[in-house]
Amino acid sequence: MAEKVAAIADAQRRGVVTDRFTAGEILAFTLVLANMWQLRDEDYLDLVPAERHRAAVVEAVHRLSAP
């Protein structure tokens, strides 16, 4: 995980990733978003059609990390 945090921190220094959150926070948010579809609770799974899961996560992470 330290390598990923370091890569995000480097991207923040270069201005391609926001610095509103720490590098660790961005990684944590990204991992939670990516893994949320692993929940087997139908209340969550029914909120977004399965074919939109990946696209929804990609868009959310993009918006979360945009400078």
C-alpha atoms as a PDB file:
ATOM      1  CA  MET A   1       0.000   0.000   0.000  1.00  0.00           C
ATOM      2  CA  ALA A   2       2.874   2.374   0.707  1.00  0.00           C
ATOM      3  CA  GLU A   3       3.875   2.311  -2.971  1.00  0.00           C
ATOM      4  CA  LYS A   4       0.355   3.267  -4.032  1.00  0.00           C
ATOM      5  CA  VAL A   5       0.184   6.092  -1.506  1.00  0.00           C
ATOM      6  CA  ALA A   6       3.573   7.321  -2.728  1.00  0.00           C
ATOM      7  CA  ALA A   7       2.373   7.254  -6.343  1.00  0.00           C
ATOM      8  CA  ILE A   8      -0.714   9.274  -5.442  1.00  0.00           C
ATOM      9  CA  ALA A   9       1.408  11.743  -3.446  1.00  0.00           C
ATOM     10  CA  ASP A  10       3.682  12.146  -6.463  1.00  0.00           C
ATOM     11  CA  ALA A  11       0.665  12.816  -8.676  1.00  0.00           C
ATOM     12  CA  GLN A  12      -0.514  15.393  -6.145  1.00  0.00           C
ATOM     13  CA  ARG A  13       2.859  17.161  -6.263  1.00  0.00           C
ATOM     14  CA  ARG A  14       2.617  17.244 -10.075  1.00  0.00           C
ATOM     15  CA  GLY A  15      -0.877  18.726  -9.832  1.00  0.00           C
ATOM     16  CA  VAL A  16      -2.698  15.901 -11.619  1.00  0.00           C
ATOM     17  CA  VAL A  17      -4.514  14.688  -8.495  1.00  0.00           C
ATOM     18  CA  THR A  18      -6.257  16.890  -5.954  1.00  0.00           C
ATOM     19  CA  ASP A  19      -4.622  17.771  -2.673  1.00  0.00           C
ATOM     20  CA  ARG A  20      -7.997  18.307  -0.925  1.00  0.00           C
ATOM     21  CA  PHE A  21      -7.464  14.857   0.595  1.00  0.00           C
ATOM     22  CA  THR A  22      -4.277  13.143   1.683  1.00  0.00           C
ATOM     23  CA  ALA A  23      -2.858  10.474  -0.605  1.00  0.00           C
ATOM     24  CA  GLY A  24      -3.882   7.841   1.941  1.00  0.00           C
ATOM     25  CA  GLU A  25      -7.444   9.132   2.025  1.00  0.00           C
ATOM     26  CA  ILE A  26      -7.711   9.028  -1.766  1.00  0.00           C
ATOM     27  CA  LEU A  27      -6.456   5.446  -1.821  1.00  0.00           C
ATOM     28  CA  ALA A  28      -8.834   4.436   0.981  1.00  0.00           C
ATOM     29  CA  PHE A  29     -11.831   6.040  -0.747  1.00  0.00           C
ATOM     30  CA  THR A  30     -10.882   4.400  -4.049  1.00  0.00           C
ATOM     31  CA  LEU A  31     -10.568   0.961  -2.462  1.00  0.00           C
ATOM     32  CA  VAL A  32     -13.889   1.295  -0.656  1.00  0.00           C
ATOM     33  CA  LEU A  33     -15.661   2.398  -3.827  1.00  0.00           C
ATOM     34  CA  ALA A  34     -14.104  -0.385  -5.888  1.00  0.00           C
ATOM     35  CA  ASN A  35     -14.988  -3.025  -3.326  1.00  0.00           C
ATOM     36  CA  MET A  36     -18.510  -1.895  -2.505  1.00  0.00           C
ATOM     37  CA  TRP A  37     -19.982  -4.236  -5.116  1.00  0.00           C
ATOM     38  CA  GLN A  38     -18.533  -7.172  -3.191  1.00  0.00           C
ATOM     39  CA  LEU A  39     -21.208  -6.630  -0.570  1.00  0.00           C
ATOM     40  CA  ARG A  40     -23.925  -9.209  -0.912  1.00  0.00           C
ATOM     41  CA  ASP A  41     -26.608  -6.962   0.540  1.00  0.00           C
ATOM     42  CA  GLU A  42     -29.333  -6.600  -2.076  1.00  0.00           C
ATOM     43  CA  ASP A  43     -30.208  -3.152  -0.731  1.00  0.00           C
ATOM     44  CA  TYR A  44     -26.869  -1.920  -2.102  1.00  0.00           C
ATOM     45  CA  LEU A  45     -26.712  -4.070  -5.191  1.00  0.00           C
ATOM     46  CA  ASP A  46     -30.168  -3.012  -6.364  1.00  0.00           C
ATOM     47  CA  LEU A  47     -29.308   0.697  -6.267  1.00  0.00           C
ATOM     48  CA  VAL A  48     -27.177   0.549  -9.418  1.00  0.00           C
ATOM     49  CA  PRO A  49     -27.622  -1.887 -12.293  1.00  0.00           C
ATOM     50  CA  ALA A  50     -24.774  -4.415 -12.495  1.00  0.00           C
ATOM     51  CA  GLU A  51     -23.705  -3.194 -15.928  1.00  0.00           C
ATOM     52  CA  ARG A  52     -23.073   0.280 -14.428  1.00  0.00           C
ATOM     53  CA  HIS A  53     -20.968  -0.839 -11.435  1.00  0.00           C
ATOM     54  CA  ARG A  54     -17.576  -0.322 -13.035  1.00  0.00           C
ATOM     55  CA  ALA A  55     -18.481   2.916 -14.807  1.00  0.00           C
ATOM     56  CA  ALA A  56     -19.964   4.362 -11.624  1.00  0.00           C
ATOM     57  CA  VAL A  57     -16.777   3.634  -9.664  1.00  0.00           C
ATOM     58  CA  VAL A  58     -14.535   5.027 -12.413  1.00  0.00           C
ATOM     59  CA  GLU A  59     -16.546   8.261 -12.569  1.00  0.00           C
ATOM     60  CA  ALA A  60     -16.662   8.604  -8.770  1.00  0.00           C
ATOM     61  CA  VAL A  61     -12.903   8.121  -8.398  1.00  0.00           C
ATOM     62  CA  HIS A  62     -12.257  10.541 -11.258  1.00  0.00           C
ATOM     63  CA  ARG A  63     -14.379  13.225  -9.594  1.00  0.00           C
ATOM     64  CA  LEU A  64     -12.899  12.489  -6.170  1.00  0.00           C
ATOM     65  CA  SER A  65      -9.319  12.815  -7.357  1.00  0.00           C
ATOM     66  CA  ALA A  66      -9.569  15.548 -10.018  1.00  0.00           C
ATOM     67  CA  PRO A  67      -7.489  18.633  -9.250  1.00  0.00           C
END
